[in-house]
C-alpha atoms as a PDB file:
ATOM      1  CA  MET A   1      65.715 140.072 119.067  1.00  0.00           C
ATOM      2  CA  THR A   2      68.990 139.036 117.462  1.00  0.00           C
ATOM      3  CA  ILE A   3      68.819 136.112 115.038  1.00  0.00           C
ATOM      4  CA  SER A   4      71.817 133.797 115.069  1.00  0.00           C
ATOM      5  CA  ARG A   5      73.589 132.903 111.854  1.00  0.00           C
ATOM      6  CA  SER A   6      72.349 129.314 112.193  1.00  0.00           C
ATOM      7  CA  ASP A   7      68.744 130.423 112.625  1.00  0.00           C
ATOM      8  CA  GLU A   8      69.059 132.885 109.746  1.00  0.00           C
ATOM      9  CA  ARG A   9      70.454 130.211 107.415  1.00  0.00           C
ATOM     10  CA  TYR A  10      67.292 128.102 107.667  1.00  0.00           C
ATOM     11  CA  LEU A  11      64.836 130.930 108.384  1.00  0.00           C
ATOM     12  CA  ARG A  12      62.841 130.695 105.143  1.00  0.00           C
ATOM     13  CA  GLN A  13      62.569 126.926 105.487  1.00  0.00           C
ATOM     14  CA  SER A  14      61.436 126.979 109.117  1.00  0.00           C
ATOM     15  CA  GLN A  15      58.919 129.723 108.255  1.00  0.00           C
ATOM     16  CA  PHE A  16      57.179 127.181 106.017  1.00  0.00           C
ATOM     17  CA  ASP A  17      54.371 126.124 108.328  1.00  0.00           C
ATOM     18  CA  PRO A  18      54.473 122.316 107.771  1.00  0.00           C
ATOM     19  CA  ILE A  19      58.159 122.323 108.815  1.00  0.00           C
ATOM     20  CA  GLY A  20      58.401 125.021 111.453  1.00  0.00           C
ATOM     21  CA  GLN A  21      61.109 125.130 114.096  1.00  0.00           C
ATOM     22  CA  GLU A  22      60.342 121.619 115.321  1.00  0.00           C
ATOM     23  CA  GLY A  23      60.612 120.130 111.839  1.00  0.00           C
ATOM     24  CA  GLN A  24      63.821 122.064 111.211  1.00  0.00           C
ATOM     25  CA  ALA A  25      65.285 120.661 114.418  1.00  0.00           C
ATOM     26  CA  ARG A  26      64.417 117.171 113.196  1.00  0.00           C
ATOM     27  CA  ILE A  27      66.150 117.843 109.875  1.00  0.00           C
ATOM     28  CA  GLU A  28      69.271 119.130 111.607  1.00  0.00           C
ATOM     29  CA  SER A  29      69.503 115.972 113.721  1.00  0.00           C
ATOM     30  CA  ALA A  30      68.916 113.595 110.783  1.00  0.00           C
ATOM     31  CA  ARG A  31      71.457 111.284 109.148  1.00  0.00           C
ATOM     32  CA  VAL A  32      71.041 110.606 105.424  1.00  0.00           C
ATOM     33  CA  ALA A  33      73.048 108.395 103.079  1.00  0.00           C
ATOM     34  CA  VAL A  34      73.207 109.304  99.391  1.00  0.00           C
ATOM     35  CA  LEU A  35      73.927 106.135  97.431  1.00  0.00           C
ATOM     36  CA  GLY A  36      75.513 107.365  94.222  1.00  0.00           C
ATOM     37  CA  CYS A  37      76.920 110.841  93.571  1.00  0.00           C
ATOM     38  CA  GLY A  38      76.091 111.222  89.891  1.00  0.00           C
ATOM     39  CA  ALA A  39      73.306 113.200  88.259  1.00  0.00           C
ATOM     40  CA  LEU A  40      70.709 112.564  90.965  1.00  0.00           C
ATOM     41  CA  GLY A  41      72.965 112.156  93.979  1.00  0.00           C
ATOM     42  CA  SER A  42      75.035 115.289  93.426  1.00  0.00           C
ATOM     43  CA  VAL A  43      71.918 117.468  93.142  1.00  0.00           C
ATOM     44  CA  ALA A  44      69.959 115.801  95.954  1.00  0.00           C
ATOM     45  CA  SER A  45      72.915 115.959  98.333  1.00  0.00           C
ATOM     46  CA  GLU A  46      73.375 119.673  97.667  1.00  0.00           C
ATOM     47  CA  LEU A  47      69.696 120.378  98.367  1.00  0.00           C
ATOM     48  CA  LEU A  48      69.814 118.359 101.592  1.00  0.00           C
ATOM     49  CA  ALA A  49      73.024 120.065 102.674  1.00  0.00           C
ATOM     50  CA  ARG A  50      71.463 123.485 102.101  1.00  0.00           C
ATOM     51  CA  ALA A  51      68.367 122.314 104.016  1.00  0.00           C
ATOM     52  CA  GLY A  52      70.563 121.559 107.030  1.00  0.00           C
ATOM     53  CA  VAL A  53      70.504 117.761 107.232  1.00  0.00           C
ATOM     54  CA  GLY A  54      72.883 117.122 110.116  1.00  0.00           C
ATOM     55  CA  THR A  55      74.912 114.278 108.628  1.00  0.00           C
ATOM     56  CA  ILE A  56      75.168 113.362 104.951  1.00  0.00           C
ATOM     57  CA  ARG A  57      77.076 110.242 103.967  1.00  0.00           C
ATOM     58  CA  LEU A  58      78.151 110.210 100.316  1.00  0.00           C
ATOM     59  CA  ILE A  59      78.765 106.774  98.786  1.00  0.00           C
ATOM     60  CA  ASP A  60      80.041 106.341  95.231  1.00  0.00           C
ATOM     61  CA  ARG A  61      82.462 104.107  93.339  1.00  0.00           C
ATOM     62  CA  ASP A  62      83.155 106.293  90.299  1.00  0.00           C
ATOM     63  CA  LEU A  63      85.268 109.216  89.086  1.00  0.00           C
ATOM     64  CA  VAL A  64      84.267 112.605  87.671  1.00  0.00           C
ATOM     65  CA  GLU A  65      84.361 112.652  83.854  1.00  0.00           C
ATOM     66  CA  TRP A  66      83.890 115.508  81.390  1.00  0.00           C
ATOM     67  CA  SER A  67      80.563 114.059  80.229  1.00  0.00           C
ATOM     68  CA  ASN A  68      79.238 114.468  83.793  1.00  0.00           C
ATOM     69  CA  LEU A  69      79.465 118.270  83.771  1.00  0.00           C
ATOM     70  CA  GLN A  70      76.427 118.692  81.502  1.00  0.00           C
ATOM     71  CA  ARG A  71      74.059 117.694  84.316  1.00  0.00           C
ATOM     72  CA  GLN A  72      76.016 117.037  87.537  1.00  0.00           C
ATOM     73  CA  SER A  73      76.137 120.658  88.647  1.00  0.00           C
ATOM     74  CA  LEU A  74      78.016 120.077  91.888  1.00  0.00           C
ATOM     75  CA  TYR A  75      81.234 119.320  89.964  1.00  0.00           C
ATOM     76  CA  THR A  76      83.622 121.613  88.091  1.00  0.00           C
ATOM     77  CA  GLU A  77      86.131 121.349  85.271  1.00  0.00           C
ATOM     78  CA  VAL A  78      88.858 121.030  87.904  1.00  0.00           C
ATOM     79  CA  ASP A  79      87.200 117.823  89.183  1.00  0.00           C
ATOM     80  CA  ALA A  80      86.953 116.375  85.677  1.00  0.00           C
ATOM     81  CA  GLU A  81      90.528 117.308  84.806  1.00  0.00           C
ATOM     82  CA  ALA A  82      91.761 115.537  87.930  1.00  0.00           C
ATOM     83  CA  ALA A  83      89.401 112.567  87.435  1.00  0.00           C
ATOM     84  CA  ALA A  84      88.540 113.049  91.107  1.00  0.00           C
ATOM     85  CA  ALA A  85      86.551 110.454  93.025  1.00  0.00           C
ATOM     86  CA  LYS A  86      82.951 111.680  92.952  1.00  0.00           C
ATOM     87  CA  ALA A  87      82.303 111.126  96.644  1.00  0.00           C
ATOM     88  CA  GLU A  88      85.456 113.023  97.592  1.00  0.00           C
ATOM     89  CA  ALA A  89      84.821 115.922  95.199  1.00  0.00           C
ATOM     90  CA  ALA A  90      81.164 116.174  96.255  1.00  0.00           C
ATOM     91  CA  ALA A  91      82.150 116.197  99.934  1.00  0.00           C
ATOM     92  CA  SER A  92      84.596 119.042  99.354  1.00  0.00           C
ATOM     93  CA  HIS A  93      81.999 121.183  97.592  1.00  0.00           C
ATOM     94  CA  LEU A  94      79.290 120.465 100.182  1.00  0.00           C
ATOM     95  CA  ARG A  95      81.590 121.454 103.031  1.00  0.00           C
ATOM     96  CA  ALA A  96      82.109 124.794 101.282  1.00  0.00           C
ATOM     97  CA  ILE A  97      78.327 125.202 100.972  1.00  0.00           C
ATOM     98  CA  ASN A  98      77.515 124.317 104.591  1.00  0.00           C
ATOM     99  CA  SER A  99      80.326 124.026 107.117  1.00  0.00           C
ATOM    100  CA  SER A 100      77.929 123.469 110.022  1.00  0.00           C
ATOM    101  CA  ILE A 101      76.913 119.926 109.022  1.00  0.00           C
ATOM    102  CA  GLU A 102      78.893 116.692 108.930  1.00  0.00           C
ATOM    103  CA  ILE A 103      79.818 115.317 105.523  1.00  0.00           C
ATOM    104  CA  GLN A 104      81.157 111.777 105.261  1.00  0.00           C
ATOM    105  CA  GLU A 105      82.573 110.377 102.029  1.00  0.00           C
ATOM    106  CA  ARG A 106      83.096 106.723 101.127  1.00  0.00           C
ATOM    107  CA  VAL A 107      84.585 105.662  97.802  1.00  0.00           C
ATOM    108  CA  VAL A 108      83.205 102.146  97.667  1.00  0.00           C
ATOM    109  CA  ASP A 109      81.126  99.812  95.515  1.00  0.00           C
ATOM    110  CA  ILE A 110      78.063  98.675  97.485  1.00  0.00           C
ATOM    111  CA  THR A 111      77.720  94.874  97.704  1.00  0.00           C
ATOM    112  CA  PRO A 112      75.774  92.431  99.895  1.00  0.00           C
ATOM    113  CA  ASN A 113      78.909  92.101 102.011  1.00  0.00           C
ATOM    114  CA  ASN A 114      79.314  95.800 102.844  1.00  0.00           C
ATOM    115  CA  ILE A 115      75.889  97.448 102.556  1.00  0.00           C
ATOM    116  CA  ALA A 116      75.089  97.041 106.262  1.00  0.00           C
ATOM    117  CA  HIS A 117      78.365  98.672 107.285  1.00  0.00           C
ATOM    118  CA  ASN A 118      78.088 101.581 104.840  1.00  0.00           C
ATOM    119  CA  LEU A 119      74.444 102.353 105.624  1.00  0.00           C
ATOM    120  CA  GLU A 120      74.543 101.791 109.372  1.00  0.00           C
ATOM    121  CA  ASN A 121      72.953 104.395 111.646  1.00  0.00           C
ATOM    122  CA  VAL A 122      71.209 106.388 108.906  1.00  0.00           C
ATOM    123  CA  ASP A 123      67.603 107.552 109.039  1.00  0.00           C
ATOM    124  CA  LEU A 124      66.986 107.542 105.292  1.00  0.00           C
ATOM    125  CA  VAL A 125      68.737 106.694 102.013  1.00  0.00           C
ATOM    126  CA  ILE A 126      68.581 108.568  98.715  1.00  0.00           C
ATOM    127  CA  ASP A 127      68.708 106.126  95.800  1.00  0.00           C
ATOM    128  CA  ALA A 128      70.955 107.672  93.169  1.00  0.00           C
ATOM    129  CA  THR A 129      72.319 104.385  91.852  1.00  0.00           C
ATOM    130  CA  ASP A 130      72.716 103.558  88.179  1.00  0.00           C
ATOM    131  CA  ASN A 131      71.525  99.946  88.094  1.00  0.00           C
ATOM    132  CA  PHE A 132      68.560  97.828  89.145  1.00  0.00           C
ATOM    133  CA  ALA A 133      70.559  95.186  91.010  1.00  0.00           C
ATOM    134  CA  ALA A 134      71.788  97.840  93.460  1.00  0.00           C
ATOM    135  CA  ARG A 135      68.234  99.072  93.994  1.00  0.00           C
ATOM    136  CA  LEU A 136      66.964  95.576  94.705  1.00  0.00           C
ATOM    137  CA  LEU A 137      69.826  95.093  97.157  1.00  0.00           C
ATOM    138  CA  LEU A 138      68.929  98.399  98.826  1.00  0.00           C
ATOM    139  CA  ASN A 139      65.278  97.322  98.911  1.00  0.00           C
ATOM    140  CA  ASP A 140      66.158  94.102 100.771  1.00  0.00           C
ATOM    141  CA  TRP A 141      68.260  96.005 103.295  1.00  0.00           C
ATOM    142  CA  SER A 142      65.500  98.587 103.758  1.00  0.00           C
ATOM    143  CA  ILE A 143      62.879  95.958 104.584  1.00  0.00           C
ATOM    144  CA  GLN A 144      65.192  94.073 106.914  1.00  0.00           C
ATOM    145  CA  THR A 145      66.156  97.233 108.838  1.00  0.00           C
ATOM    146  CA  ARG A 146      62.869  99.154 108.357  1.00  0.00           C
ATOM    147  CA  THR A 147      64.817 102.097 106.959  1.00  0.00           C
ATOM    148  CA  PRO A 148      63.103 104.301 104.342  1.00  0.00           C
ATOM    149  CA  TRP A 149      64.686 105.119 101.005  1.00  0.00           C
ATOM    150  CA  VAL A 150      63.696 107.442  98.170  1.00  0.00           C
ATOM    151  CA  HIS A 151      63.870 105.816  94.763  1.00  0.00           C
ATOM    152  CA  GLY A 152      64.715 107.967  91.771  1.00  0.00           C
ATOM    153  CA  GLY A 153      65.406 107.059  88.162  1.00  0.00           C
ATOM    154  CA  CYS A 154      65.960 109.276  85.129  1.00  0.00           C
ATOM    155  CA  ILE A 155      66.619 108.663  81.429  1.00  0.00           C
ATOM    156  CA  GLY A 156      66.190 111.021  78.487  1.00  0.00           C
ATOM    157  CA  ALA A 157      63.787 113.765  79.559  1.00  0.00           C
ATOM    158  CA  GLY A 158      61.839 111.824  82.156  1.00  0.00           C
ATOM    159  CA  GLY A 159      61.990 109.863  85.333  1.00  0.00           C
ATOM    160  CA  GLN A 160      60.174 108.595  88.383  1.00  0.00           C
ATOM    161  CA  VAL A 161      60.232 109.002  92.169  1.00  0.00           C
ATOM    162  CA  ARG A 162      58.759 107.172  95.164  1.00  0.00           C
ATOM    163  CA  LEU A 163      59.652 106.814  98.820  1.00  0.00           C
ATOM    164  CA  PHE A 164      59.686 103.215 100.108  1.00  0.00           C
ATOM    165  CA  ASP A 165      59.328 102.944 103.875  1.00  0.00           C
ATOM    166  CA  GLY A 166      60.572  99.390 104.434  1.00  0.00           C
ATOM    167  CA  GLU A 167      57.054  97.995 104.470  1.00  0.00           C
ATOM    168  CA  SER A 168      54.750  96.689 101.706  1.00  0.00           C
ATOM    169  CA  PRO A 169      54.528  97.448  98.809  1.00  0.00           C
ATOM    170  CA  CYS A 170      58.237  97.554  98.091  1.00  0.00           C
ATOM    171  CA  PHE A 171      60.412  98.135  95.049  1.00  0.00           C
ATOM    172  CA  ARG A 172      60.422  94.414  94.270  1.00  0.00           C
ATOM    173  CA  CYS A 173      56.630  94.534  93.910  1.00  0.00           C
ATOM    174  CA  LEU A 174      57.371  96.864  90.999  1.00  0.00           C
ATOM    175  CA  LEU A 175      60.394  94.975  89.630  1.00  0.00           C
ATOM    176  CA  PRO A 176      60.676  91.335  90.780  1.00  0.00           C
ATOM    177  CA  GLN A 177      64.005  90.730  88.981  1.00  0.00           C
ATOM    178  CA  PRO A 178      66.671  92.914  87.335  1.00  0.00           C
ATOM    179  CA  PRO A 179      66.293  93.222  83.560  1.00  0.00           C
ATOM    180  CA  LEU A 180      68.670  91.193  81.422  1.00  0.00           C
ATOM    181  CA  PRO A 181      71.703  93.047  80.010  1.00  0.00           C
ATOM    182  CA  GLY A 182      70.605  95.305  77.181  1.00  0.00           C
ATOM    183  CA  GLU A 183      66.876  95.084  77.957  1.00  0.00           C
ATOM    184  CA  THR A 184      66.641  98.606  79.362  1.00  0.00           C
ATOM    185  CA  ALA A 185      68.120 101.867  78.178  1.00  0.00           C
ATOM    186  CA  THR A 186      70.683 103.781  80.239  1.00  0.00           C
ATOM    187  CA  CYS A 187      71.735 107.434  80.249  1.00  0.00           C
ATOM    188  CA  ASP A 188      74.844 106.466  78.309  1.00  0.00           C
ATOM    189  CA  THR A 189      72.899 104.720  75.565  1.00  0.00           C
ATOM    190  CA  ALA A 190      69.727 106.851  75.381  1.00  0.00           C
ATOM    191  CA  GLY A 191      71.052 110.182  76.664  1.00  0.00           C
ATOM    192  CA  VAL A 192      69.681 112.463  79.374  1.00  0.00           C
ATOM    193  CA  ILE A 193      69.087 116.188  79.830  1.00  0.00           C
ATOM    194  CA  GLY A 194      70.036 118.207  82.877  1.00  0.00           C
ATOM    195  CA  PRO A 195      66.592 119.687  83.622  1.00  0.00           C
ATOM    196  CA  ALA A 196      65.181 116.166  83.980  1.00  0.00           C
ATOM    197  CA  THR A 197      67.858 114.964  86.399  1.00  0.00           C
ATOM    198  CA  HIS A 198      67.550 118.147  88.466  1.00  0.00           C
ATOM    199  CA  LEU A 199      63.787 117.797  88.655  1.00  0.00           C
ATOM    200  CA  ILE A 200      63.887 114.145  89.732  1.00  0.00           C
ATOM    201  CA  ALA A 201      66.596 114.852  92.318  1.00  0.00           C
ATOM    202  CA  SER A 202      64.582 117.803  93.631  1.00  0.00           C
ATOM    203  CA  LEU A 203      61.500 115.612  94.004  1.00  0.00           C
ATOM    204  CA  GLN A 204      63.600 113.033  95.867  1.00  0.00           C
ATOM    205  CA  ALA A 205      64.966 115.704  98.201  1.00  0.00           C
ATOM    206  CA  CYS A 206      61.448 117.027  98.839  1.00  0.00           C
ATOM    207  CA  GLU A 207      60.117 113.583  99.796  1.00  0.00           C
ATOM    208  CA  ALA A 208      63.128 113.152 102.078  1.00  0.00           C
ATOM    209  CA  ILE A 209      62.530 116.521 103.756  1.00  0.00           C
ATOM    210  CA  LYS A 210      58.869 115.624 104.335  1.00  0.00           C
ATOM    211  CA  TRP A 211      59.878 112.384 106.049  1.00  0.00           C
ATOM    212  CA  LEU A 212      62.763 113.808 108.051  1.00  0.00           C
ATOM    213  CA  SER A 213      60.766 116.804 109.303  1.00  0.00           C
ATOM    214  CA  GLY A 214      58.005 114.567 110.657  1.00  0.00           C
ATOM    215  CA  ASN A 215      55.518 115.096 107.820  1.00  0.00           C
ATOM    216  CA  CYS A 216      55.304 111.427 106.878  1.00  0.00           C
ATOM    217  CA  LEU A 217      51.587 111.618 106.055  1.00  0.00           C
ATOM    218  CA  ASP A 218      52.380 114.080 103.256  1.00  0.00           C
ATOM    219  CA  VAL A 219      54.732 111.633 101.515  1.00  0.00           C
ATOM    220  CA  ARG A 220      53.354 110.479  98.163  1.00  0.00           C
ATOM    221  CA  ASN A 221      52.031 106.897  98.087  1.00  0.00           C
ATOM    222  CA  GLU A 222      52.099 106.626  94.292  1.00  0.00           C
ATOM    223  CA  ILE A 223      55.001 106.549  91.874  1.00  0.00           C
ATOM    224  CA  LEU A 224      55.322 110.008  90.352  1.00  0.00           C
ATOM    225  CA  SER A 225      56.328 109.760  86.690  1.00  0.00           C
ATOM    226  CA  VAL A 226      57.376 112.839  84.707  1.00  0.00           C
ATOM    227  CA  ASP A 227      58.143 113.313  80.995  1.00  0.00           C
ATOM    228  CA  LEU A 228      59.391 116.871  80.510  1.00  0.00           C
ATOM    229  CA  TRP A 229      59.754 116.616  76.738  1.00  0.00           C
ATOM    230  CA  HIS A 230      56.138 115.609  76.125  1.00  0.00           C
ATOM    231  CA  ASN A 231      54.772 117.661  79.042  1.00  0.00           C
ATOM    232  CA  GLN A 232      53.314 114.666  80.829  1.00  0.00           C
ATOM    233  CA  ILE A 233      52.973 114.077  84.565  1.00  0.00           C
ATOM    234  CA  ARG A 234      51.206 111.003  85.899  1.00  0.00           C
ATOM    235  CA  THR A 235      50.943 108.955  89.055  1.00  0.00           C
ATOM    236  CA  ILE A 236      51.099 105.167  89.188  1.00  0.00           C
ATOM    237  CA  ARG A 237      49.564 103.337  92.132  1.00  0.00           C
ATOM    238  CA  LEU A 238      51.734 100.451  93.307  1.00  0.00           C
ATOM    239  CA  SER A 239      49.916  97.567  94.971  1.00  0.00           C
ATOM    240  CA  PRO A 240      51.604  94.911  97.112  1.00  0.00           C
ATOM    241  CA  ALA A 241      52.473  91.814  95.116  1.00  0.00           C
ATOM    242  CA  PRO A 242      50.844  88.918  97.017  1.00  0.00           C
ATOM    243  CA  ASP A 243      53.851  86.674  96.392  1.00  0.00           C
ATOM    244  CA  CYS A 244      56.616  89.282  96.706  1.00  0.00           C
ATOM    245  CA  ARG A 245      59.811  87.565  97.772  1.00  0.00           C
ATOM    246  CA  ALA A 246      60.955  90.611  99.748  1.00  0.00           C
ATOM    247  CA  CYS A 247      58.155  92.376 101.629  1.00  0.00           C
ATOM    248  CA  VAL A 248      55.732  89.411 101.873  1.00  0.00           C
ATOM    249  CA  GLN A 249      57.921  86.321 102.172  1.00  0.00           C
ATOM    250  CA  HIS A 250      60.900  88.167 103.704  1.00  0.00           C
ATOM    251  CA  GLU A 251      63.326  86.262 101.520  1.00  0.00           C
ATOM    252  CA  TYR A 252      66.187  88.665 100.889  1.00  0.00           C
ATOM    253  CA  ASP A 253      67.641  87.160  97.719  1.00  0.00           C
ATOM    254  CA  PHE A 254      69.840  90.131  96.849  1.00  0.00           C
ATOM    255  CA  LEU A 255      71.005  90.876 100.380  1.00  0.00           C
ATOM    256  CA  ASN A 256      71.896  87.237 100.990  1.00  0.00           C
ATOM    257  CA  ALA A 257      73.553  86.675  97.615  1.00  0.00           C
ATOM    258  CA  SER A 258      77.219  85.807  97.688  1.00  0.00           C
ATOM    259  CA  THR A 259      79.786  87.999  95.993  1.00  0.00           C
ATOM    260  CA  LEU A 260      80.116  85.458  93.190  1.00  0.00           C
ATOM    261  CA  GLU A 261      76.375  85.648  92.551  1.00  0.00           C
ATOM    262  CA  THR A 262      76.357  89.421  92.120  1.00  0.00           C
ATOM    263  CA  GLN A 263      78.395  89.994  88.990  1.00  0.00           C
ATOM    264  CA  SER A 264      81.812  89.371  90.484  1.00  0.00           C
ATOM    265  CA  ALA A 265      84.654  91.221  88.815  1.00  0.00           C
ATOM    266  CA  GLU A 266      88.372  90.582  88.609  1.00  0.00           C
ATOM    267  CA  THR A 267      91.419  92.254  87.115  1.00  0.00           C
ATOM    268  CA  LEU A 268      92.815  90.050  84.367  1.00  0.00           C
ATOM    269  CA  CYS A 269      96.374  88.961  85.004  1.00  0.00           C
ATOM    270  CA  GLY A 270      98.895  90.635  82.714  1.00  0.00           C
ATOM    271  CA  ARG A 271      96.258  92.797  81.038  1.00  0.00           C
ATOM    272  CA  ASP A 272      94.948  96.311  81.515  1.00  0.00           C
ATOM    273  CA  ALA A 273      91.411  94.948  81.748  1.00  0.00           C
ATOM    274  CA  VAL A 274      88.671  93.829  84.118  1.00  0.00           C
ATOM    275  CA  GLN A 275      86.301  90.912  83.586  1.00  0.00           C
ATOM    276  CA  ILE A 276      82.760  91.046  84.958  1.00  0.00           C
ATOM    277  CA  ALA A 277      80.881  87.768  85.300  1.00  0.00           C
ATOM    278  CA  GLY A 278      77.497  87.646  83.639  1.00  0.00           C
ATOM    279  CA  GLY A 279      75.637  84.909  85.450  1.00  0.00           C
ATOM    280  CA  GLY A 280      74.858  82.900  82.319  1.00  0.00           C
ATOM    281  CA  ALA A 281      72.387  85.381  80.833  1.00  0.00           C
ATOM    282  CA  ASP A 282      71.543  84.813  77.157  1.00  0.00           C
ATOM    283  CA  VAL A 283      72.264  88.252  75.688  1.00  0.00           C
ATOM    284  CA  ASP A 284      70.764  89.381  72.386  1.00  0.00           C
ATOM    285  CA  LEU A 285      74.004  90.575  70.797  1.00  0.00           C
ATOM    286  CA  GLN A 286      72.361  92.085  67.728  1.00  0.00           C
ATOM    287  CA  ARG A 287      70.022  94.203  69.830  1.00  0.00           C
ATOM    288  CA  MET A 288      72.943  95.332  71.950  1.00  0.00           C
ATOM    289  CA  ALA A 289      74.844  96.297  68.815  1.00  0.00           C
ATOM    290  CA  ARG A 290      71.923  98.412  67.611  1.00  0.00           C
ATOM    291  CA  THR A 291      71.701 100.109  71.018  1.00  0.00           C
ATOM    292  CA  TRP A 292      75.376 101.060  70.832  1.00  0.00           C
ATOM    293  CA  GLU A 293      75.317 102.406  67.265  1.00  0.00           C
ATOM    294  CA  THR A 294      75.026 106.015  68.425  1.00  0.00           C
ATOM    295  CA  VAL A 295      77.534 105.604  71.252  1.00  0.00           C
ATOM    296  CA  GLY A 296      80.718 104.590  69.447  1.00  0.00           C
ATOM    297  CA  GLU A 297      82.299 102.191  66.992  1.00  0.00           C
ATOM    298  CA  VAL A 298      80.746  98.722  67.249  1.00  0.00           C
ATOM    299  CA  LYS A 299      82.127  95.372  66.083  1.00  0.00           C
ATOM    300  CA  THR A 300      80.178  92.137  66.177  1.00  0.00           C
ATOM    301  CA  SER A 301      80.870  88.439  65.790  1.00  0.00           C
ATOM    302  CA  ARG A 302      78.931  85.239  66.422  1.00  0.00           C
ATOM    303  CA  PHE A 303      80.200  85.223  70.010  1.00  0.00           C
ATOM    304  CA  PHE A 304      80.466  88.839  71.182  1.00  0.00           C
ATOM    305  CA  VAL A 305      79.757  92.509  70.509  1.00  0.00           C
ATOM    306  CA  ARG A 306      82.427  95.148  71.138  1.00  0.00           C
ATOM    307  CA  LEU A 307      82.069  98.882  71.804  1.00  0.00           C
ATOM    308  CA  SER A 308      84.953 101.349  71.530  1.00  0.00           C
ATOM    309  CA  LEU A 309      84.826 103.999  74.270  1.00  0.00           C
ATOM    310  CA  PRO A 310      86.714 107.266  74.821  1.00  0.00           C
ATOM    311  CA  GLU A 311      90.216 107.240  76.314  1.00  0.00           C
ATOM    312  CA  GLU A 312      91.172 103.998  74.513  1.00  0.00           C
ATOM    313  CA  ARG A 313      88.774 101.890  76.533  1.00  0.00           C
ATOM    314  CA  MET A 314      86.847  98.989  75.054  1.00  0.00           C
ATOM    315  CA  LEU A 315      83.861  96.971  76.281  1.00  0.00           C
ATOM    316  CA  THR A 316      83.424  93.437  74.952  1.00  0.00           C
ATOM    317  CA  LEU A 317      80.124  91.748  75.833  1.00  0.00           C
ATOM    318  CA  PHE A 318      79.727  87.987  75.360  1.00  0.00           C
ATOM    319  CA  ARG A 319      76.532  86.043  74.799  1.00  0.00           C
ATOM    320  CA  ASP A 320      76.532  84.660  78.353  1.00  0.00           C
ATOM    321  CA  GLY A 321      76.510  88.192  79.795  1.00  0.00           C
ATOM    322  CA  ARG A 322      80.190  88.168  80.659  1.00  0.00           C
ATOM    323  CA  ALA A 323      82.061  91.364  79.815  1.00  0.00           C
ATOM    324  CA  VAL A 324      85.716  92.339  79.488  1.00  0.00           C
ATOM    325  CA  ILE A 325      86.456  96.047  79.853  1.00  0.00           C
ATOM    326  CA  SER A 326      89.850  96.953  78.463  1.00  0.00           C
ATOM    327  CA  GLY A 327      91.786 100.083  79.321  1.00  0.00           C
ATOM    328  CA  VAL A 328      90.911 100.056  83.032  1.00  0.00           C
ATOM    329  CA  ARG A 329      92.300  98.238  86.044  1.00  0.00           C
ATOM    330  CA  ASP A 330      90.042  99.620  88.772  1.00  0.00           C
ATOM    331  CA  VAL A 331      87.227  97.131  89.422  1.00  0.00           C
ATOM    332  CA  SER A 332      84.750  99.734  90.683  1.00  0.00           C
ATOM    333  CA  HIS A 333      85.279 101.904  87.613  1.00  0.00           C
ATOM    334  CA  ALA A 334      84.819  98.854  85.379  1.00  0.00           C
ATOM    335  CA  ARG A 335      81.536  98.008  87.127  1.00  0.00           C
ATOM    336  CA  SER A 336      80.370 101.567  86.565  1.00  0.00           C
ATOM    337  CA  LEU A 337      81.137 101.393  82.839  1.00  0.00           C
ATOM    338  CA  PHE A 338      79.311  98.056  82.601  1.00  0.00           C
ATOM    339  CA  ASP A 339      76.197  99.444  84.284  1.00  0.00           C
ATOM    340  CA  ARG A 340      76.265 102.584  82.163  1.00  0.00           C
ATOM    341  CA  TYR A 341      76.568 100.921  78.768  1.00  0.00           C
ATOM    342  CA  VAL A 342      75.059  97.473  79.332  1.00  0.00           C
ATOM    343  CA  GLY A 343      72.616  97.936  82.179  1.00  0.00           C
ATOM    344  CA  SER A 344      71.736  95.523  84.951  1.00  0.00           C
END
């Protein structure tokens, strides 16, 4: 019997008994959106492309930078030199890896106004975002549409993974509100190592493959938390919050928020800068300054704290949470810098 090239490509995967030929056929007909093409999204999308997921939609707002190459293995020096859009660069590489599947790229910043359009007609979403507000928005959309998504987060040498199926408990049972600016560390303030991001992305891809191949009962119910540096693996059981605004009360605060309520951003007239609204949050400027000490030069005053960034960029954070990012004019790129250095 002659084996076709298509059958040979996925032979080892379909030989795995829980998947089999039927599960492989399910995978090849599936449509997955990868929300964010950074450390997690670039690795997860490559694994899913190699697994044969029929359609992969890549969604990202940012550009490839030299600091990405340490852990975002889908990209090359050519991408960083060109400051290529991540979604576009990732799509090009994935097409070279698997020309038999459909790759869609969208260079866009996900908001309440466009999430339905950009995630329409997908069977599952990989969460590779870099901020909690985006995850809570995705959580609202997931519950409203009953679409599963695989959460992943990674900082330092550790991270966590869980698939949310659009039912209860949901991500908002774990995190009712986004942390205030500066309350949580980010990869750009605390650092991150490549083995950790690859492991978390691999776990996300595995949970996705279970679901897509029809093995939903094998999907983990607990949050899987891993600390590679201290050799710790633990599971955390998540119980439904009895008063959860999302999965219990079906009040979709983040999905129904207006653009002005979700950190609106605008290019400042006559300046090479973008202002991001802060929503009136009372920021601890001294704590933020201490967080930034290892990142770059920091200046403080009674009213703001300022961080000097590479390529003559500057981030000024005010006490009310408002930020001005100098040296950029692209709003999506400014949002990305805010999320990376300030947090949600």
